[in-house]
Amino acid sequence: MAVVRHETGRIKKGDTVVVLTGKSRGKQGQVMRVIQKKDRVLVERVNIIKKHTKPTQNSQGGIVEKEASIHTSNVALLCPKCKKGVRIGYKYHDDGAKVRVCRRCGEELDK
């Protein structure tokens, strides 16, 4: 079975994204971590789960709330000009630098 790659390469750590589907739909947040092998991203304050931890010598234990990862196909990059979740295109500068571009308005997303 072939592994299908989504847009993991298009979304980077520190980007602001909008959640498109699921219980956190419409929420915005910054990407804290990109898990490329699983095509998932960890977005702060989005997709909060409750994890039950056992007490150890270092921690007290109990119920801890933390972020769970979201599949990259369920998030869209937030364009600062459009203020919406957008698809990403690419453009090359004269010096050969590759830049991400908003498909809706043409605004450069890499500053």
N, C-alpha and C. Protein backbone atom coordinates (compact mmCIF):
# COMPACT_ATOMS: atom_id res chain seq x y z
N MET A 1 0.84 -1.19 0.00
CA MET A 1 0.00 0.00 0.00
C MET A 1 0.88 1.24 0.00
N ALA A 2 0.60 2.17 -0.88
CA ALA A 2 1.39 3.39 -1.00
C ALA A 2 0.96 4.40 0.05
N VAL A 3 1.92 5.14 0.57
CA VAL A 3 1.64 6.18 1.54
C VAL A 3 1.32 7.46 0.79
N VAL A 4 0.17 8.05 1.10
CA VAL A 4 -0.25 9.28 0.44
C VAL A 4 0.26 10.46 1.26
N ARG A 5 0.97 11.35 0.62
CA ARG A 5 1.51 12.54 1.30
C ARG A 5 0.59 13.72 1.04
N HIS A 6 0.23 14.41 2.09
CA HIS A 6 -0.63 15.60 1.96
C HIS A 6 0.23 16.84 1.97
N GLU A 7 -0.22 17.88 2.64
CA GLU A 7 0.44 19.17 2.59
C GLU A 7 1.38 19.42 3.75
N THR A 8 2.01 18.38 4.29
CA THR A 8 2.87 18.57 5.45
C THR A 8 4.01 19.54 5.14
N GLY A 9 4.57 19.46 3.96
CA GLY A 9 5.67 20.34 3.59
C GLY A 9 5.25 21.79 3.45
N ARG A 10 3.96 22.03 3.29
CA ARG A 10 3.47 23.39 3.10
C ARG A 10 3.23 24.11 4.42
N ILE A 11 3.03 23.37 5.48
CA ILE A 11 2.78 23.96 6.79
C ILE A 11 4.02 23.78 7.65
N LYS A 12 4.47 24.86 8.27
CA LYS A 12 5.71 24.85 9.05
C LYS A 12 5.45 25.24 10.49
N LYS A 13 6.41 24.96 11.35
CA LYS A 13 6.33 25.33 12.75
C LYS A 13 6.27 26.85 12.86
N GLY A 14 5.34 27.36 13.67
CA GLY A 14 5.19 28.80 13.85
C GLY A 14 4.12 29.42 12.98
N ASP A 15 3.61 28.69 11.99
CA ASP A 15 2.53 29.21 11.13
C ASP A 15 1.23 29.32 11.91
N THR A 16 0.40 30.27 11.55
CA THR A 16 -0.94 30.37 12.12
C THR A 16 -1.89 29.66 11.17
N VAL A 17 -2.67 28.70 11.72
CA VAL A 17 -3.57 27.90 10.89
C VAL A 17 -4.99 27.97 11.42
N VAL A 18 -5.95 27.60 10.56
CA VAL A 18 -7.37 27.52 10.91
C VAL A 18 -7.77 26.06 10.77
N VAL A 19 -8.54 25.55 11.74
CA VAL A 19 -9.02 24.17 11.69
C VAL A 19 -10.27 24.14 10.82
N LEU A 20 -10.30 23.22 9.83
CA LEU A 20 -11.39 23.16 8.88
C LEU A 20 -12.51 22.20 9.29
N THR A 21 -12.16 21.11 10.00
CA THR A 21 -13.17 20.11 10.36
C THR A 21 -12.97 19.63 11.79
N GLY A 22 -13.97 18.93 12.31
CA GLY A 22 -13.86 18.33 13.63
C GLY A 22 -14.45 19.20 14.72
N LYS A 23 -14.24 18.76 15.97
CA LYS A 23 -14.83 19.47 17.11
C LYS A 23 -14.21 20.84 17.33
N SER A 24 -13.01 21.06 16.81
CA SER A 24 -12.32 22.35 16.95
C SER A 24 -12.46 23.23 15.72
N ARG A 25 -13.46 22.96 14.88
CA ARG A 25 -13.63 23.68 13.62
C ARG A 25 -13.75 25.19 13.84
N GLY A 26 -13.00 25.95 13.03
CA GLY A 26 -13.04 27.41 13.11
C GLY A 26 -12.00 28.00 14.04
N LYS A 27 -11.41 27.19 14.91
CA LYS A 27 -10.41 27.71 15.84
C LYS A 27 -9.10 28.00 15.12
N GLN A 28 -8.38 29.00 15.62
CA GLN A 28 -7.09 29.37 15.06
C GLN A 28 -6.02 29.16 16.10
N GLY A 29 -4.79 28.89 15.65
CA GLY A 29 -3.68 28.73 16.57
C GLY A 29 -2.38 28.57 15.82
N GLN A 30 -1.29 28.65 16.56
CA GLN A 30 0.03 28.50 15.97
C GLN A 30 0.46 27.04 16.01
N VAL A 31 1.17 26.62 14.95
CA VAL A 31 1.68 25.26 14.88
C VAL A 31 2.88 25.15 15.81
N MET A 32 2.79 24.22 16.78
CA MET A 32 3.88 24.01 17.72
C MET A 32 4.86 22.96 17.21
N ARG A 33 4.33 21.97 16.47
CA ARG A 33 5.17 20.87 16.02
C ARG A 33 4.56 20.26 14.76
N VAL A 34 5.41 19.83 13.84
CA VAL A 34 4.97 19.14 12.62
C VAL A 34 5.50 17.72 12.68
N ILE A 35 4.59 16.74 12.57
CA ILE A 35 4.97 15.32 12.56
C ILE A 35 4.86 14.87 11.12
N GLN A 36 5.97 14.94 10.38
CA GLN A 36 5.94 14.74 8.94
C GLN A 36 5.64 13.30 8.53
N LYS A 37 6.13 12.33 9.28
CA LYS A 37 5.92 10.93 8.90
C LYS A 37 4.46 10.52 8.97
N LYS A 38 3.69 11.18 9.84
CA LYS A 38 2.27 10.85 10.00
C LYS A 38 1.36 11.91 9.38
N ASP A 39 1.94 12.92 8.72
CA ASP A 39 1.17 14.03 8.13
C ASP A 39 0.27 14.71 9.14
N ARG A 40 0.82 15.02 10.32
CA ARG A 40 0.01 15.63 11.38
C ARG A 40 0.71 16.87 11.92
N VAL A 41 -0.07 17.76 12.52
CA VAL A 41 0.47 18.97 13.15
C VAL A 41 -0.12 19.11 14.54
N LEU A 42 0.65 19.73 15.43
CA LEU A 42 0.21 20.01 16.79
C LEU A 42 -0.02 21.51 16.88
N VAL A 43 -1.28 21.91 17.11
CA VAL A 43 -1.64 23.33 17.14
C VAL A 43 -1.99 23.71 18.57
N GLU A 44 -1.44 24.85 19.04
CA GLU A 44 -1.67 25.23 20.44
C GLU A 44 -3.12 25.63 20.68
N ARG A 45 -3.67 25.20 21.83
CA ARG A 45 -5.04 25.47 22.28
C ARG A 45 -6.11 24.93 21.33
N VAL A 46 -5.78 23.90 20.55
CA VAL A 46 -6.74 23.29 19.62
C VAL A 46 -6.70 21.78 19.80
N ASN A 47 -7.85 21.13 19.73
CA ASN A 47 -7.99 19.68 19.88
C ASN A 47 -7.47 19.22 21.25
N ILE A 48 -8.01 19.82 22.31
CA ILE A 48 -7.59 19.53 23.68
C ILE A 48 -8.19 18.18 24.11
N ILE A 49 -7.33 17.32 24.66
CA ILE A 49 -7.78 16.03 25.19
C ILE A 49 -7.41 15.94 26.66
N LYS A 50 -8.04 15.00 27.37
CA LYS A 50 -7.71 14.77 28.78
C LYS A 50 -6.95 13.47 28.87
N LYS A 51 -5.73 13.54 29.41
CA LYS A 51 -4.88 12.37 29.54
C LYS A 51 -4.78 12.01 31.02
N HIS A 52 -5.06 10.77 31.33
CA HIS A 52 -4.99 10.29 32.71
C HIS A 52 -3.58 9.76 32.95
N THR A 53 -2.83 10.39 33.87
CA THR A 53 -1.45 10.00 34.14
C THR A 53 -1.32 9.34 35.50
N LYS A 54 -0.43 8.37 35.55
CA LYS A 54 -0.17 7.65 36.78
C LYS A 54 0.85 8.43 37.62
N PRO A 55 0.73 8.41 38.93
CA PRO A 55 1.73 9.09 39.74
C PRO A 55 3.09 8.38 39.65
N THR A 56 4.15 9.16 39.55
CA THR A 56 5.51 8.63 39.55
C THR A 56 6.31 9.39 40.60
N GLN A 57 7.59 9.09 40.68
CA GLN A 57 8.45 9.81 41.64
C GLN A 57 8.57 11.28 41.28
N ASN A 58 8.46 11.59 39.99
CA ASN A 58 8.63 12.97 39.53
C ASN A 58 7.32 13.76 39.44
N SER A 59 6.20 13.08 39.18
CA SER A 59 4.93 13.80 39.01
C SER A 59 3.85 13.24 39.92
N GLN A 60 2.87 14.09 40.20
CA GLN A 60 1.80 13.74 41.12
C GLN A 60 0.78 12.81 40.48
N GLY A 61 0.55 12.95 39.18
CA GLY A 61 -0.47 12.16 38.50
C GLY A 61 -1.79 12.90 38.48
N GLY A 62 -2.78 12.30 37.84
CA GLY A 62 -4.10 12.92 37.74
C GLY A 62 -4.50 13.11 36.29
N ILE A 63 -5.46 13.99 36.07
CA ILE A 63 -5.96 14.25 34.72
C ILE A 63 -5.30 15.52 34.18
N VAL A 64 -4.61 15.38 33.06
CA VAL A 64 -3.87 16.49 32.45
C VAL A 64 -4.52 16.82 31.11
N GLU A 65 -4.77 18.09 30.85
CA GLU A 65 -5.28 18.51 29.55
C GLU A 65 -4.11 18.90 28.67
N LYS A 66 -4.11 18.35 27.43
CA LYS A 66 -3.04 18.67 26.50
C LYS A 66 -3.56 18.63 25.07
N GLU A 67 -2.78 19.19 24.14
CA GLU A 67 -3.18 19.23 22.75
C GLU A 67 -2.87 17.89 22.08
N ALA A 68 -3.79 17.45 21.22
CA ALA A 68 -3.56 16.26 20.40
C ALA A 68 -3.30 16.73 18.97
N SER A 69 -2.64 15.89 18.18
CA SER A 69 -2.31 16.28 16.82
C SER A 69 -3.53 16.22 15.91
N ILE A 70 -3.48 16.99 14.82
CA ILE A 70 -4.54 17.05 13.82
C ILE A 70 -3.91 16.71 12.47
N HIS A 71 -4.65 16.01 11.62
CA HIS A 71 -4.14 15.70 10.29
C HIS A 71 -4.01 16.99 9.48
N THR A 72 -2.96 17.07 8.66
CA THR A 72 -2.70 18.32 7.92
C THR A 72 -3.79 18.66 6.92
N SER A 73 -4.55 17.66 6.46
CA SER A 73 -5.63 17.95 5.52
C SER A 73 -6.78 18.66 6.20
N ASN A 74 -6.80 18.68 7.54
CA ASN A 74 -7.88 19.32 8.29
C ASN A 74 -7.54 20.73 8.76
N VAL A 75 -6.39 21.26 8.35
CA VAL A 75 -6.02 22.63 8.70
C VAL A 75 -5.64 23.39 7.43
N ALA A 76 -5.82 24.71 7.45
CA ALA A 76 -5.43 25.58 6.34
C ALA A 76 -4.65 26.75 6.90
N LEU A 77 -3.65 27.18 6.16
CA LEU A 77 -2.82 28.31 6.56
C LEU A 77 -3.66 29.59 6.54
N LEU A 78 -3.48 30.45 7.54
CA LEU A 78 -4.23 31.70 7.64
C LEU A 78 -3.46 32.80 6.92
N CYS A 79 -4.09 33.40 5.92
CA CYS A 79 -3.47 34.50 5.18
C CYS A 79 -3.67 35.79 5.98
N PRO A 80 -2.59 36.56 6.24
CA PRO A 80 -2.74 37.79 7.03
C PRO A 80 -3.56 38.87 6.30
N LYS A 81 -3.57 38.85 4.96
CA LYS A 81 -4.30 39.85 4.20
C LYS A 81 -5.78 39.47 4.05
N CYS A 82 -6.06 38.19 3.68
CA CYS A 82 -7.44 37.71 3.47
C CYS A 82 -8.16 37.46 4.79
N LYS A 83 -7.42 37.15 5.85
CA LYS A 83 -7.96 36.77 7.16
C LYS A 83 -8.79 35.49 7.08
N LYS A 84 -8.44 34.60 6.12
CA LYS A 84 -9.13 33.33 5.94
C LYS A 84 -8.12 32.21 5.76
N GLY A 85 -8.59 30.97 5.91
CA GLY A 85 -7.75 29.82 5.62
C GLY A 85 -7.63 29.68 4.12
N VAL A 86 -6.40 29.57 3.61
CA VAL A 86 -6.18 29.57 2.16
C VAL A 86 -5.30 28.40 1.73
N ARG A 87 -5.38 28.11 0.43
CA ARG A 87 -4.47 27.14 -0.16
C ARG A 87 -3.16 27.87 -0.47
N ILE A 88 -2.09 27.08 -0.60
CA ILE A 88 -0.77 27.65 -0.74
C ILE A 88 -0.20 27.35 -2.12
N GLY A 89 0.39 28.37 -2.73
CA GLY A 89 1.12 28.20 -3.98
C GLY A 89 2.57 28.59 -3.74
N TYR A 90 3.39 28.48 -4.77
CA TYR A 90 4.79 28.83 -4.65
C TYR A 90 5.19 29.80 -5.75
N LYS A 91 6.17 30.66 -5.42
CA LYS A 91 6.71 31.61 -6.37
C LYS A 91 8.22 31.68 -6.14
N TYR A 92 8.97 31.90 -7.19
CA TYR A 92 10.42 32.02 -7.09
C TYR A 92 10.84 33.46 -7.31
N HIS A 93 11.72 33.97 -6.44
CA HIS A 93 12.28 35.31 -6.61
C HIS A 93 13.42 35.26 -7.61
N ASP A 94 13.90 36.44 -8.00
CA ASP A 94 15.00 36.52 -8.96
C ASP A 94 16.28 35.88 -8.44
N ASP A 95 16.47 35.94 -7.11
CA ASP A 95 17.69 35.35 -6.52
C ASP A 95 17.55 33.83 -6.32
N GLY A 96 16.41 33.24 -6.73
CA GLY A 96 16.21 31.80 -6.66
C GLY A 96 15.51 31.33 -5.40
N ALA A 97 15.12 32.26 -4.51
CA ALA A 97 14.45 31.88 -3.26
C ALA A 97 13.01 31.46 -3.54
N LYS A 98 12.60 30.33 -2.96
CA LYS A 98 11.24 29.82 -3.12
C LYS A 98 10.39 30.36 -1.98
N VAL A 99 9.24 30.97 -2.32
CA VAL A 99 8.39 31.62 -1.32
C VAL A 99 6.97 31.05 -1.42
N ARG A 100 6.32 30.86 -0.26
CA ARG A 100 4.92 30.44 -0.25
C ARG A 100 4.03 31.65 -0.53
N VAL A 101 2.96 31.43 -1.31
CA VAL A 101 2.08 32.51 -1.74
C VAL A 101 0.63 32.09 -1.52
N CYS A 102 -0.20 33.04 -1.13
CA CYS A 102 -1.65 32.82 -0.97
C CYS A 102 -2.26 32.66 -2.36
N ARG A 103 -3.02 31.59 -2.56
CA ARG A 103 -3.65 31.36 -3.86
C ARG A 103 -4.82 32.31 -4.10
N ARG A 104 -5.39 32.87 -3.03
CA ARG A 104 -6.56 33.72 -3.14
C ARG A 104 -6.18 35.15 -3.56
N CYS A 105 -5.18 35.74 -2.87
CA CYS A 105 -4.86 37.15 -3.13
C CYS A 105 -3.45 37.37 -3.68
N GLY A 106 -2.60 36.34 -3.64
CA GLY A 106 -1.24 36.49 -4.17
C GLY A 106 -0.24 37.03 -3.17
N GLU A 107 -0.66 37.25 -1.93
CA GLU A 107 0.22 37.78 -0.89
C GLU A 107 1.29 36.76 -0.51
N GLU A 108 2.53 37.22 -0.30
CA GLU A 108 3.59 36.32 0.15
C GLU A 108 3.39 35.97 1.60
N LEU A 109 3.48 34.67 1.93
CA LEU A 109 3.23 34.21 3.29
C LEU A 109 4.52 34.07 4.09
N ASP A 110 5.67 34.01 3.42
CA ASP A 110 6.97 33.94 4.11
C ASP A 110 7.56 35.32 4.18
N LYS A 111 7.76 35.80 5.40
CA LYS A 111 8.34 37.14 5.57
C LYS A 111 9.76 37.03 6.06
